[in-house]
Amino acid sequence: MAKLLLFNKPFHVLSQFTDAEARKTLSEFIRIKGVYPAGRLDYDSEGLLLLTDNGQLQAQISNPKYKLNKTYWVQVEGTATEAHCQELINGVELKDGPASAVKCSLIAEPPLWPRVPAIRERQNIADSWLELVINEGRNRQVRRMTAAIGLPTLRLVRAAIGDWQLTDINPGEYRVESVPMPTAKKPRAKRPAAKRRR
């Protein structure tokens, strides 16, 4: 069995164990040796980060070729509409190429912990919440996607990766699970080329 940690990464914590600039890292929260992040979560984003002691499982979670869905709760500045969601599903053009959401829906504010420091609210500008599902992991992708449709991201929380969910894990805490060791897919044997008849 492989070891898998479901960690609720707080705001302004790096998704790594060391930092030359003395910023907060995973080492302040996770004392288990031999586990490594399977993918990343931005310094100013919060929520689910998976860590494992198994390199193959790490690759299956983090490698974009496996198309693992990642679910985000996104607080945006402005009044989001179904039309905005449809734009994200249809795809937006980013500097590093087009990007689209697998799913997008308008949601009520989820029952989250207070962010420290708190979000800067502007009295005369509304904000909205979206649930956004993507299956890529480009740098700051969700923030760039919402900005492309005129809805700057104020707060970004990853709620799920595949079937793994953030449920009942407080910020800075983690849950340990044992999961079956992934099996390597054997490459298909090439069939011998048929001999041509002369």
C-alpha atoms as a PDB file:
ATOM      1  CA  MET A   1       0.000   0.000   0.000  1.00  0.00           C
ATOM      2  CA  ALA A   2       1.114   3.571  -0.705  1.00  0.00           C
ATOM      3  CA  LYS A   3       0.840   6.333   1.863  1.00  0.00           C
ATOM      4  CA  LEU A   4      -1.243   9.363   0.864  1.00  0.00           C
ATOM      5  CA  LEU A   5      -1.586  12.570   2.882  1.00  0.00           C
ATOM      6  CA  LEU A   6      -4.540  14.897   2.308  1.00  0.00           C
ATOM      7  CA  PHE A   7      -3.278  18.271   3.542  1.00  0.00           C
ATOM      8  CA  ASN A   8      -5.275  21.482   3.852  1.00  0.00           C
ATOM      9  CA  LYS A   9      -2.657  24.011   2.781  1.00  0.00           C
ATOM     10  CA  PRO A  10      -3.139  27.405   4.421  1.00  0.00           C
ATOM     11  CA  PHE A  11      -2.804  30.729   2.619  1.00  0.00           C
ATOM     12  CA  HIS A  12       0.821  31.885   2.131  1.00  0.00           C
ATOM     13  CA  VAL A  13       2.436  28.480   2.559  1.00  0.00           C
ATOM     14  CA  LEU A  14       4.695  27.044  -0.163  1.00  0.00           C
ATOM     15  CA  SER A  15       3.975  23.597  -1.608  1.00  0.00           C
ATOM     16  CA  GLN A  16       7.515  22.440  -0.739  1.00  0.00           C
ATOM     17  CA  PHE A  17       9.568  21.613   2.344  1.00  0.00           C
ATOM     18  CA  THR A  18      12.350  24.230   2.079  1.00  0.00           C
ATOM     19  CA  ASP A  19      12.668  27.860   1.036  1.00  0.00           C
ATOM     20  CA  ALA A  20      15.698  30.138   0.756  1.00  0.00           C
ATOM     21  CA  GLU A  21      13.533  33.201   1.487  1.00  0.00           C
ATOM     22  CA  ALA A  22      12.285  31.967   4.893  1.00  0.00           C
ATOM     23  CA  ARG A  23       8.639  31.762   3.815  1.00  0.00           C
ATOM     24  CA  LYS A  24       6.349  29.197   5.445  1.00  0.00           C
ATOM     25  CA  THR A  25       6.723  25.703   3.991  1.00  0.00           C
ATOM     26  CA  LEU A  26       5.228  22.237   4.439  1.00  0.00           C
ATOM     27  CA  SER A  27       7.916  21.421   7.017  1.00  0.00           C
ATOM     28  CA  GLU A  28       6.064  23.558   9.587  1.00  0.00           C
ATOM     29  CA  PHE A  29       3.021  21.303   9.356  1.00  0.00           C
ATOM     30  CA  ILE A  30       4.103  17.849   8.165  1.00  0.00           C
ATOM     31  CA  ARG A  31       6.585  15.810  10.215  1.00  0.00           C
ATOM     32  CA  ILE A  32       6.217  12.549   8.295  1.00  0.00           C
ATOM     33  CA  LYS A  33       9.407  11.649   6.457  1.00  0.00           C
ATOM     34  CA  GLY A  34       9.599  10.404   2.884  1.00  0.00           C
ATOM     35  CA  VAL A  35       6.447  12.005   1.476  1.00  0.00           C
ATOM     36  CA  TYR A  36       6.470  14.476  -1.403  1.00  0.00           C
ATOM     37  CA  PRO A  37       3.831  16.746  -2.970  1.00  0.00           C
ATOM     38  CA  ALA A  38       1.919  15.311  -5.909  1.00  0.00           C
ATOM     39  CA  GLY A  39       1.518  18.548  -7.818  1.00  0.00           C
ATOM     40  CA  ARG A  40       1.493  22.091  -6.499  1.00  0.00           C
ATOM     41  CA  LEU A  41      -0.849  24.705  -5.110  1.00  0.00           C
ATOM     42  CA  ASP A  42       0.025  28.393  -5.435  1.00  0.00           C
ATOM     43  CA  TYR A  43       1.505  30.249  -2.469  1.00  0.00           C
ATOM     44  CA  ASP A  44      -1.597  32.471  -2.262  1.00  0.00           C
ATOM     45  CA  SER A  45      -4.111  29.649  -2.798  1.00  0.00           C
ATOM     46  CA  GLU A  46      -5.567  27.383  -0.117  1.00  0.00           C
ATOM     47  CA  GLY A  47      -6.984  23.916   0.199  1.00  0.00           C
ATOM     48  CA  LEU A  48      -6.239  20.351  -0.797  1.00  0.00           C
ATOM     49  CA  LEU A  49      -2.654  19.311  -1.506  1.00  0.00           C
ATOM     50  CA  LEU A  50      -1.815  15.620  -1.830  1.00  0.00           C
ATOM     51  CA  LEU A  51       1.513  14.128  -0.734  1.00  0.00           C
ATOM     52  CA  THR A  52       2.667  10.543  -1.145  1.00  0.00           C
ATOM     53  CA  ASP A  53       5.633   8.247  -0.575  1.00  0.00           C
ATOM     54  CA  ASN A  54       5.085   6.502  -3.921  1.00  0.00           C
ATOM     55  CA  GLY A  55       6.661   7.966  -7.053  1.00  0.00           C
ATOM     56  CA  GLN A  56       4.271   6.264  -9.449  1.00  0.00           C
ATOM     57  CA  LEU A  57       1.204   7.497  -7.558  1.00  0.00           C
ATOM     58  CA  GLN A  58       2.764  10.961  -7.426  1.00  0.00           C
ATOM     59  CA  ALA A  59       3.091  10.933 -11.223  1.00  0.00           C
ATOM     60  CA  GLN A  60      -0.472   9.692 -11.766  1.00  0.00           C
ATOM     61  CA  ILE A  61      -1.847  12.522  -9.630  1.00  0.00           C
ATOM     62  CA  SER A  62       0.323  15.340 -10.949  1.00  0.00           C
ATOM     63  CA  ASN A  63       1.011  14.472 -14.597  1.00  0.00           C
ATOM     64  CA  PRO A  64      -1.438  16.324 -16.909  1.00  0.00           C
ATOM     65  CA  LYS A  65      -1.637  13.320 -19.261  1.00  0.00           C
ATOM     66  CA  TYR A  66      -3.795  11.487 -16.697  1.00  0.00           C
ATOM     67  CA  LYS A  67      -6.450  14.280 -16.877  1.00  0.00           C
ATOM     68  CA  LEU A  68      -7.338  14.108 -13.168  1.00  0.00           C
ATOM     69  CA  ASN A  69     -10.132  16.572 -12.363  1.00  0.00           C
ATOM     70  CA  LYS A  70      -9.356  19.273  -9.819  1.00  0.00           C
ATOM     71  CA  THR A  71     -12.253  21.169  -8.213  1.00  0.00           C
ATOM     72  CA  TYR A  72     -11.843  24.754  -7.020  1.00  0.00           C
ATOM     73  CA  TRP A  73     -14.066  27.161  -5.116  1.00  0.00           C
ATOM     74  CA  VAL A  74     -13.307  30.589  -6.521  1.00  0.00           C
ATOM     75  CA  GLN A  75     -14.366  33.929  -5.045  1.00  0.00           C
ATOM     76  CA  VAL A  76     -14.298  36.509  -7.816  1.00  0.00           C
ATOM     77  CA  GLU A  77     -14.735  40.262  -7.918  1.00  0.00           C
ATOM     78  CA  GLY A  78     -17.906  41.145  -9.820  1.00  0.00           C
ATOM     79  CA  THR A  79     -21.268  39.510 -10.462  1.00  0.00           C
ATOM     80  CA  ALA A  80     -20.698  36.132 -12.092  1.00  0.00           C
ATOM     81  CA  THR A  81     -23.381  34.761 -14.428  1.00  0.00           C
ATOM     82  CA  GLU A  82     -24.152  31.524 -16.240  1.00  0.00           C
ATOM     83  CA  ALA A  83     -22.793  33.223 -19.360  1.00  0.00           C
ATOM     84  CA  HIS A  84     -19.414  33.664 -17.626  1.00  0.00           C
ATOM     85  CA  CYS A  85     -19.430  29.948 -16.773  1.00  0.00           C
ATOM     86  CA  GLN A  86     -20.200  29.059 -20.368  1.00  0.00           C
ATOM     87  CA  GLU A  87     -17.266  31.215 -21.506  1.00  0.00           C
ATOM     88  CA  LEU A  88     -14.931  29.260 -19.228  1.00  0.00           C
ATOM     89  CA  ILE A  89     -16.287  25.926 -20.490  1.00  0.00           C
ATOM     90  CA  ASN A  90     -16.007  27.042 -24.115  1.00  0.00           C
ATOM     91  CA  GLY A  91     -12.419  28.112 -23.443  1.00  0.00           C
ATOM     92  CA  VAL A  92     -10.414  31.300 -23.061  1.00  0.00           C
ATOM     93  CA  GLU A  93      -7.133  32.311 -24.651  1.00  0.00           C
ATOM     94  CA  LEU A  94      -4.191  32.613 -22.252  1.00  0.00           C
ATOM     95  CA  LYS A  95      -0.597  33.622 -23.010  1.00  0.00           C
ATOM     96  CA  ASP A  96       0.443  29.949 -22.984  1.00  0.00           C
ATOM     97  CA  GLY A  97      -2.468  28.766 -25.114  1.00  0.00           C
ATOM     98  CA  PRO A  98      -6.197  28.096 -24.809  1.00  0.00           C
ATOM     99  CA  ALA A  99      -7.658  26.787 -21.543  1.00  0.00           C
ATOM    100  CA  SER A 100     -11.135  25.533 -20.731  1.00  0.00           C
ATOM    101  CA  ALA A 101     -13.046  24.317 -17.709  1.00  0.00           C
ATOM    102  CA  VAL A 102     -14.473  20.791 -17.536  1.00  0.00           C
ATOM    103  CA  LYS A 103     -17.370  22.161 -15.455  1.00  0.00           C
ATOM    104  CA  CYS A 104     -18.388  25.523 -14.020  1.00  0.00           C
ATOM    105  CA  SER A 105     -21.308  26.481 -11.809  1.00  0.00           C
ATOM    106  CA  LEU A 106     -22.427  29.431  -9.701  1.00  0.00           C
ATOM    107  CA  ILE A 107     -22.484  28.537  -5.997  1.00  0.00           C
ATOM    108  CA  ALA A 108     -23.351  30.152  -2.681  1.00  0.00           C
ATOM    109  CA  GLU A 109     -20.413  31.094  -0.462  1.00  0.00           C
ATOM    110  CA  PRO A 110     -19.075  27.756   0.853  1.00  0.00           C
ATOM    111  CA  PRO A 111     -18.679  27.172   4.617  1.00  0.00           C
ATOM    112  CA  LEU A 112     -14.966  27.996   4.810  1.00  0.00           C
ATOM    113  CA  TRP A 113     -12.604  29.011   7.588  1.00  0.00           C
ATOM    114  CA  PRO A 114     -11.746  32.742   7.817  1.00  0.00           C
ATOM    115  CA  ARG A 115      -8.749  33.629   5.693  1.00  0.00           C
ATOM    116  CA  VAL A 116      -5.831  35.327   7.435  1.00  0.00           C
ATOM    117  CA  PRO A 117      -5.317  38.037   6.350  1.00  0.00           C
ATOM    118  CA  ALA A 118      -8.940  38.646   5.381  1.00  0.00           C
ATOM    119  CA  ILE A 119      -9.988  39.361   1.794  1.00  0.00           C
ATOM    120  CA  ARG A 120     -10.053  43.085   1.027  1.00  0.00           C
ATOM    121  CA  GLU A 121     -13.694  43.866   0.315  1.00  0.00           C
ATOM    122  CA  ARG A 122     -14.868  46.889  -1.655  1.00  0.00           C
ATOM    123  CA  GLN A 123     -18.269  48.150  -0.584  1.00  0.00           C
ATOM    124  CA  ASN A 124     -19.458  49.269  -4.020  1.00  0.00           C
ATOM    125  CA  ILE A 125     -18.291  46.123  -5.899  1.00  0.00           C
ATOM    126  CA  ALA A 126     -20.095  42.797  -5.569  1.00  0.00           C
ATOM    127  CA  ASP A 127     -18.340  39.446  -5.376  1.00  0.00           C
ATOM    128  CA  SER A 128     -19.458  35.963  -6.407  1.00  0.00           C
ATOM    129  CA  TRP A 129     -18.458  32.336  -5.965  1.00  0.00           C
ATOM    130  CA  LEU A 130     -17.848  29.749  -8.681  1.00  0.00           C
ATOM    131  CA  GLU A 131     -17.134  26.042  -8.534  1.00  0.00           C
ATOM    132  CA  LEU A 132     -14.652  25.382 -11.298  1.00  0.00           C
ATOM    133  CA  VAL A 133     -13.326  22.001 -12.440  1.00  0.00           C
ATOM    134  CA  ILE A 134     -10.198  21.756 -14.597  1.00  0.00           C
ATOM    135  CA  ASN A 135      -7.970  18.822 -15.540  1.00  0.00           C
ATOM    136  CA  GLU A 136      -4.755  20.717 -16.213  1.00  0.00           C
ATOM    137  CA  GLY A 137      -2.349  22.330 -13.773  1.00  0.00           C
ATOM    138  CA  ARG A 138      -0.718  25.277 -15.488  1.00  0.00           C
ATOM    139  CA  ASN A 139       0.808  28.031 -13.402  1.00  0.00           C
ATOM    140  CA  ARG A 140      -1.928  30.215 -11.834  1.00  0.00           C
ATOM    141  CA  GLN A 141      -4.339  28.824 -14.402  1.00  0.00           C
ATOM    142  CA  VAL A 142      -7.636  29.408 -12.579  1.00  0.00           C
ATOM    143  CA  ARG A 143      -6.726  33.002 -11.709  1.00  0.00           C
ATOM    144  CA  ARG A 144      -5.747  33.708 -15.305  1.00  0.00           C
ATOM    145  CA  MET A 145      -8.932  32.111 -16.634  1.00  0.00           C
ATOM    146  CA  THR A 146     -11.267  34.196 -14.449  1.00  0.00           C
ATOM    147  CA  ALA A 147      -9.275  37.345 -15.230  1.00  0.00           C
ATOM    148  CA  ALA A 148      -9.725  36.615 -18.950  1.00  0.00           C
ATOM    149  CA  ILE A 149     -13.515  36.923 -18.565  1.00  0.00           C
ATOM    150  CA  GLY A 150     -13.312  40.084 -16.432  1.00  0.00           C
ATOM    151  CA  LEU A 151     -13.718  38.446 -13.008  1.00  0.00           C
ATOM    152  CA  PRO A 152     -10.487  38.809 -10.986  1.00  0.00           C
ATOM    153  CA  THR A 153      -9.983  36.066  -8.385  1.00  0.00           C
ATOM    154  CA  LEU A 154     -10.097  37.218  -4.763  1.00  0.00           C
ATOM    155  CA  ARG A 155      -9.812  33.842  -3.033  1.00  0.00           C
ATOM    156  CA  LEU A 156      -9.006  30.410  -4.408  1.00  0.00           C
ATOM    157  CA  VAL A 157      -9.583  27.154  -2.516  1.00  0.00           C
ATOM    158  CA  ARG A 158      -8.979  23.690  -3.986  1.00  0.00           C
ATOM    159  CA  ALA A 159     -11.778  21.467  -2.719  1.00  0.00           C
ATOM    160  CA  ALA A 160     -11.002  18.149  -4.442  1.00  0.00           C
ATOM    161  CA  ILE A 161      -8.505  16.257  -6.588  1.00  0.00           C
ATOM    162  CA  GLY A 162     -10.201  13.345  -8.332  1.00  0.00           C
ATOM    163  CA  ASP A 163     -12.223  11.556  -5.633  1.00  0.00           C
ATOM    164  CA  TRP A 164     -10.118  12.934  -2.770  1.00  0.00           C
ATOM    165  CA  GLN A 165     -11.906  15.760  -0.950  1.00  0.00           C
ATOM    166  CA  LEU A 166     -11.008  18.391   1.598  1.00  0.00           C
ATOM    167  CA  THR A 167     -13.910  17.389   3.876  1.00  0.00           C
ATOM    168  CA  ASP A 168     -13.304  17.756   7.638  1.00  0.00           C
ATOM    169  CA  ILE A 169      -9.636  18.769   7.391  1.00  0.00           C
ATOM    170  CA  ASN A 170      -8.801  22.073   9.085  1.00  0.00           C
ATOM    171  CA  PRO A 171      -6.175  24.457   7.640  1.00  0.00           C
ATOM    172  CA  GLY A 172      -2.669  23.254   8.489  1.00  0.00           C
ATOM    173  CA  GLU A 173      -3.885  19.721   9.260  1.00  0.00           C
ATOM    174  CA  TYR A 174      -3.829  16.491   7.265  1.00  0.00           C
ATOM    175  CA  ARG A 175      -5.338  13.031   7.082  1.00  0.00           C
ATOM    176  CA  VAL A 176      -3.313   9.937   6.190  1.00  0.00           C
ATOM    177  CA  GLU A 177      -4.772   7.244   3.952  1.00  0.00           C
ATOM    178  CA  SER A 178      -3.412   3.989   2.580  1.00  0.00           C
ATOM    179  CA  VAL A 179      -4.130   3.427  -1.085  1.00  0.00           C
ATOM    180  CA  PRO A 180      -3.317   0.468  -3.351  1.00  0.00           C
ATOM    181  CA  MET A 181       0.009   0.703  -5.102  1.00  0.00           C
ATOM    182  CA  PRO A 182      -0.547   1.815  -8.703  1.00  0.00           C
ATOM    183  CA  THR A 183       0.212  -0.806 -11.306  1.00  0.00           C
ATOM    184  CA  ALA A 184       2.427   0.166 -14.182  1.00  0.00           C
ATOM    185  CA  LYS A 185       0.759  -0.116 -17.542  1.00  0.00           C
ATOM    186  CA  LYS A 186       2.742  -2.443 -19.731  1.00  0.00           C
ATOM    187  CA  PRO A 187       3.352  -1.191 -23.247  1.00  0.00           C
ATOM    188  CA  ARG A 188       1.506  -3.165 -25.871  1.00  0.00           C
ATOM    189  CA  ALA A 189       3.653  -5.717 -27.632  1.00  0.00           C
ATOM    190  CA  LYS A 190       4.140  -4.843 -31.258  1.00  0.00           C
ATOM    191  CA  ARG A 191       2.716  -7.321 -33.689  1.00  0.00           C
ATOM    192  CA  PRO A 192       5.212  -8.691 -36.177  1.00  0.00           C
ATOM    193  CA  ALA A 193       4.820  -7.039 -39.542  1.00  0.00           C
ATOM    194  CA  ALA A 194       2.905  -9.190 -41.996  1.00  0.00           C
ATOM    195  CA  LYS A 195       5.020 -10.476 -44.869  1.00  0.00           C
ATOM    196  CA  ARG A 196       4.029  -9.083 -48.189  1.00  0.00           C
ATOM    197  CA  ARG A 197       3.191 -11.575 -50.879  1.00  0.00           C
ATOM    198  CA  ARG A 198       5.083 -11.086 -54.050  1.00  0.00           C
END
